[in-house]
N, C-alpha and C. Protein backbone atom coordinates (compact mmCIF):
# COMPACT_ATOMS: atom_id res chain seq x y z
N MET A 1 27.65 -32.56 24.58
CA MET A 1 27.93 -30.73 25.10
C MET A 1 26.67 -29.95 24.29
N HIS A 2 26.49 -29.24 24.86
CA HIS A 2 25.36 -28.21 24.53
C HIS A 2 26.14 -27.12 23.79
N VAL A 3 25.87 -26.29 22.79
CA VAL A 3 26.16 -25.44 21.97
C VAL A 3 24.90 -24.02 22.49
N LEU A 4 25.32 -22.74 22.93
CA LEU A 4 24.62 -22.41 22.91
C LEU A 4 24.90 -21.08 21.42
N THR A 5 23.21 -21.18 20.80
CA THR A 5 23.02 -20.55 19.82
C THR A 5 23.06 -19.08 19.71
N GLY A 6 22.44 -18.24 21.22
CA GLY A 6 21.82 -16.83 21.30
C GLY A 6 20.46 -16.73 20.76
N ARG A 7 20.09 -17.97 20.58
CA ARG A 7 18.44 -17.63 21.01
C ARG A 7 17.78 -18.52 21.74
N TRP A 8 16.82 -18.53 22.31
CA TRP A 8 16.10 -18.76 23.32
C TRP A 8 14.68 -19.24 22.51
N PRO A 9 14.64 -20.26 23.05
CA PRO A 9 13.10 -20.83 22.23
C PRO A 9 12.05 -20.23 22.51
N ARG A 10 11.47 -19.94 21.68
CA ARG A 10 10.08 -18.79 21.99
C ARG A 10 9.11 -19.77 22.30
N ASP A 11 8.36 -19.06 23.58
CA ASP A 11 6.80 -19.93 23.72
C ASP A 11 5.86 -19.39 23.60
N THR A 12 5.01 -19.64 22.64
CA THR A 12 3.78 -19.03 22.51
C THR A 12 2.62 -18.74 23.11
N GLY A 13 2.70 -20.01 23.61
CA GLY A 13 1.19 -20.29 24.84
C GLY A 13 1.60 -19.31 26.05
N THR A 14 0.27 -19.13 26.78
CA THR A 14 0.29 -18.33 27.50
C THR A 14 -0.28 -19.26 29.02
N HIS A 15 1.01 -19.20 29.92
CA HIS A 15 0.91 -19.63 31.32
C HIS A 15 0.72 -19.22 32.50
N HIS A 16 0.52 -19.61 33.02
CA HIS A 16 0.22 -19.30 34.11
C HIS A 16 0.44 -20.01 35.66
N MET A 17 1.76 -19.75 36.52
CA MET A 17 2.25 -20.20 37.74
C MET A 17 0.88 -20.18 38.71
N THR A 18 1.11 -21.19 39.39
CA THR A 18 0.09 -21.16 40.69
C THR A 18 0.93 -20.85 41.84
N PHE A 19 0.94 -19.79 42.37
CA PHE A 19 1.63 -19.96 44.19
C PHE A 19 1.57 -20.78 44.99
N ASN A 20 2.28 -21.58 45.60
CA ASN A 20 1.49 -22.95 46.36
C ASN A 20 2.63 -22.33 47.85
N PHE A 21 1.73 -21.50 48.77
CA PHE A 21 2.43 -21.27 49.73
C PHE A 21 2.73 -22.47 50.43
N GLU A 22 2.06 -23.02 50.79
CA GLU A 22 2.33 -24.35 51.60
C GLU A 22 3.73 -24.90 51.59
N ALA A 23 3.90 -25.41 50.43
CA ALA A 23 4.87 -25.89 49.91
C ALA A 23 6.57 -25.48 50.43
N ILE A 24 6.34 -23.88 50.20
CA ILE A 24 7.65 -23.16 50.75
C ILE A 24 7.36 -22.24 51.96
N SER A 25 6.28 -22.42 52.59
CA SER A 25 6.23 -21.32 53.92
C SER A 25 7.28 -21.69 55.02
N ASP A 26 7.78 -22.71 55.32
CA ASP A 26 8.67 -22.86 56.16
C ASP A 26 10.08 -22.23 55.67
N ILE A 27 10.30 -22.05 54.34
CA ILE A 27 11.47 -21.46 54.14
C ILE A 27 11.58 -19.83 53.57
N LEU A 28 10.43 -19.61 53.71
CA LEU A 28 9.98 -17.87 53.59
C LEU A 28 9.98 -17.12 54.63
N ALA A 29 10.91 -15.75 54.61
CA ALA A 29 11.03 -14.77 55.67
C ALA A 29 10.86 -13.62 54.85
N CYS A 30 10.45 -12.32 55.75
CA CYS A 30 10.21 -11.26 55.22
C CYS A 30 12.10 -10.75 54.90
N PRO A 31 12.39 -10.27 53.89
CA PRO A 31 13.77 -10.10 54.03
C PRO A 31 14.04 -8.89 54.53
N LYS A 32 13.40 -7.89 54.97
CA LYS A 32 13.99 -7.04 56.01
C LYS A 32 14.34 -7.37 57.09
N CYS A 33 13.38 -8.16 58.01
CA CYS A 33 13.56 -8.44 59.60
C CYS A 33 13.35 -10.08 59.86
N ARG A 34 13.32 -10.43 58.54
CA ARG A 34 12.92 -12.08 58.79
C ARG A 34 11.74 -12.81 59.46
N GLY A 35 10.79 -11.71 59.72
CA GLY A 35 9.30 -12.26 60.38
C GLY A 35 8.75 -13.34 59.43
N GLU A 36 7.94 -13.81 60.03
CA GLU A 36 7.16 -14.70 59.07
C GLU A 36 6.37 -14.11 58.02
N LEU A 37 6.15 -14.41 57.14
CA LEU A 37 5.33 -13.85 55.68
C LEU A 37 3.62 -14.72 55.74
N VAL A 38 2.88 -13.94 55.77
CA VAL A 38 1.08 -14.32 55.41
C VAL A 38 0.78 -14.18 54.23
N TYR A 39 0.31 -15.51 53.86
CA TYR A 39 -0.34 -15.41 52.39
C TYR A 39 -1.85 -15.03 52.05
N LEU A 40 -1.87 -13.61 51.57
CA LEU A 40 -3.23 -12.77 51.51
C LEU A 40 -3.67 -12.69 50.07
N GLY A 41 -4.26 -13.52 49.44
CA GLY A 41 -4.61 -12.61 47.93
C GLY A 41 -3.67 -13.44 46.89
N ASP A 42 -3.06 -11.81 46.47
CA ASP A 42 -2.39 -11.95 45.54
C ASP A 42 -0.82 -11.29 45.97
N SER A 43 -0.32 -11.18 47.53
CA SER A 43 0.44 -11.00 47.89
C SER A 43 0.94 -11.60 49.39
N LEU A 44 2.15 -11.43 50.05
CA LEU A 44 2.41 -12.11 50.88
C LEU A 44 2.81 -10.60 52.20
N ILE A 45 2.29 -11.16 53.12
CA ILE A 45 2.63 -10.00 54.19
C ILE A 45 3.25 -10.19 55.32
N CYS A 46 4.46 -9.14 55.50
CA CYS A 46 5.00 -9.54 57.08
C CYS A 46 4.31 -9.37 57.89
N ASP A 47 4.28 -10.14 59.07
CA ASP A 47 3.09 -10.34 60.19
C ASP A 47 3.96 -9.33 61.39
N SER A 48 5.34 -8.40 61.17
CA SER A 48 5.82 -7.60 62.00
C SER A 48 4.80 -6.17 61.68
N GLU A 49 4.50 -6.18 62.97
CA GLU A 49 3.56 -4.64 62.98
C GLU A 49 4.83 -3.46 62.85
N GLU A 50 5.92 -3.87 63.51
CA GLU A 50 6.90 -3.01 63.26
C GLU A 50 7.16 -2.16 61.80
N HIS A 51 7.09 -3.29 60.41
CA HIS A 51 7.54 -2.73 59.61
C HIS A 51 6.07 -2.83 58.18
N ARG A 52 5.06 -4.04 58.82
CA ARG A 52 3.97 -3.79 57.85
C ARG A 52 4.24 -3.83 56.61
N LEU A 53 5.20 -4.82 56.25
CA LEU A 53 5.35 -4.78 54.73
C LEU A 53 4.55 -5.51 53.83
N GLN A 54 4.03 -5.30 52.83
CA GLN A 54 3.24 -6.47 51.73
C GLN A 54 4.02 -6.43 50.26
N PHE A 55 4.37 -7.53 49.82
CA PHE A 55 5.20 -7.76 49.30
C PHE A 55 4.10 -8.64 47.69
N PRO A 56 4.32 -8.10 46.57
CA PRO A 56 3.39 -9.25 45.55
C PRO A 56 3.91 -10.33 45.37
N ILE A 57 2.79 -10.91 44.32
CA ILE A 57 3.24 -12.09 43.81
C ILE A 57 2.43 -11.60 42.38
N VAL A 58 3.45 -11.83 41.67
CA VAL A 58 3.50 -11.45 40.07
C VAL A 58 3.87 -12.93 39.07
N ASP A 59 2.60 -13.32 38.70
CA ASP A 59 3.02 -14.45 37.59
C ASP A 59 3.22 -15.47 38.48
N GLY A 60 2.83 -15.65 39.50
CA GLY A 60 3.12 -17.06 40.65
C GLY A 60 4.67 -16.98 41.40
N ILE A 61 4.63 -15.99 41.17
CA ILE A 61 5.93 -15.49 41.83
C ILE A 61 6.24 -14.83 42.64
N PRO A 62 6.36 -14.81 43.88
CA PRO A 62 6.58 -13.81 45.00
C PRO A 62 8.14 -12.72 44.93
N ARG A 63 7.53 -11.48 44.72
CA ARG A 63 8.94 -10.64 44.69
C ARG A 63 9.14 -10.11 45.91
N LEU A 64 10.21 -10.75 46.74
CA LEU A 64 10.56 -10.65 48.26
C LEU A 64 11.54 -9.68 48.49
N LEU A 65 11.40 -8.71 47.74
CA LEU A 65 12.45 -7.43 47.34
C LEU A 65 12.15 -6.10 48.27
N VAL A 66 12.53 -5.65 49.18
CA VAL A 66 11.89 -4.57 49.75
C VAL A 66 11.68 -3.28 48.89
N GLU A 67 12.55 -3.07 48.09
CA GLU A 67 12.41 -2.32 46.82
C GLU A 67 11.14 -2.36 46.39
N GLU A 68 10.40 -3.45 46.32
CA GLU A 68 9.27 -3.69 45.30
C GLU A 68 7.70 -3.89 46.90
N SER A 69 8.18 -3.56 47.72
CA SER A 69 7.38 -4.10 48.79
C SER A 69 6.30 -2.38 49.01
N VAL A 70 4.94 -2.83 49.90
CA VAL A 70 4.88 -1.10 50.19
C VAL A 70 4.09 -1.52 51.55
N THR A 71 4.50 -0.20 52.14
CA THR A 71 4.11 -0.20 54.27
C THR A 71 2.77 0.05 53.81
N LEU A 72 2.13 -1.03 54.64
CA LEU A 72 0.85 -0.80 54.57
C LEU A 72 0.38 0.33 55.59
N SER A 73 -0.61 1.26 55.44
CA SER A 73 -1.25 2.27 56.16
C SER A 73 -1.56 1.79 57.73
N ASP A 74 -1.87 2.59 58.66
CA ASP A 74 -2.18 1.87 59.90
C ASP A 74 -3.57 1.10 59.82
N ASP A 75 -5.01 2.10 58.47
CA ASP A 75 -6.21 1.32 58.45
C ASP A 75 -5.95 -0.22 57.43
N GLN A 76 -5.07 -0.09 56.60
CA GLN A 76 -4.58 -1.36 55.74
C GLN A 76 -3.98 -2.79 56.94
N TRP A 77 -3.18 -2.24 57.63
CA TRP A 77 -2.58 -3.17 59.00
C TRP A 77 -3.93 -3.69 59.34
N ASP A 78 -4.81 -2.84 59.74
CA ASP A 78 -5.98 -3.32 60.68
C ASP A 78 -6.66 -3.58 60.01
N ARG A 79 -6.93 -3.53 58.95
CA ARG A 79 -8.19 -4.56 58.24
C ARG A 79 -7.10 -5.90 57.71
N LEU A 80 -5.99 -5.89 57.56
CA LEU A 80 -5.35 -6.99 56.88
C LEU A 80 -4.97 -7.98 58.45
N LYS A 81 -5.07 -7.27 59.55
CA LYS A 81 -4.25 -8.33 60.81
C LYS A 81 -5.47 -9.18 60.90
N ASN A 82 -6.63 -8.19 60.78
CA ASN A 82 -7.97 -8.93 61.15
C ASN A 82 -8.46 -10.14 60.17
N GLN A 83 -7.93 -10.29 59.16
CA GLN A 83 -7.73 -11.16 58.15
C GLN A 83 -6.63 -12.82 58.55
N MET A 84 -5.91 -11.87 58.96
CA MET A 84 -4.20 -12.91 59.14
C MET A 84 -4.98 -13.68 60.46
N GLU A 85 -5.78 -13.40 61.36
CA GLU A 85 -5.64 -13.87 62.78
C GLU A 85 -6.69 -15.26 62.16
N PRO A 86 -6.31 -16.44 62.92
CA PRO A 86 -7.02 -17.30 62.85
C PRO A 86 -7.99 -17.23 63.53
N THR A 87 -9.57 -18.24 63.05
CA THR A 87 -10.89 -17.61 63.70
C THR A 87 -10.94 -18.90 64.35
N SER A 88 -11.71 -19.01 65.48
CA SER A 88 -12.15 -20.26 66.12
C SER A 88 -13.21 -20.39 66.00
């Protein structure tokens, strides 16, 4: 039996989680349109040209909340779309 004491163990060290996109990419989707997400740098980007949403990754955890997303401008979308396209 576990007894809750109202205190959490304190972690005094600094830990940084790494985001492993390949391990979970098949279950991730844009929360607004269910489109595919592309991993670029410190964010995930919905590949829907209609929505153009960018979701932050904070401390190794994707924040897939529409309220926390950023709608990319036309220029930002064009630049990122070029990065997202595979090169031959």
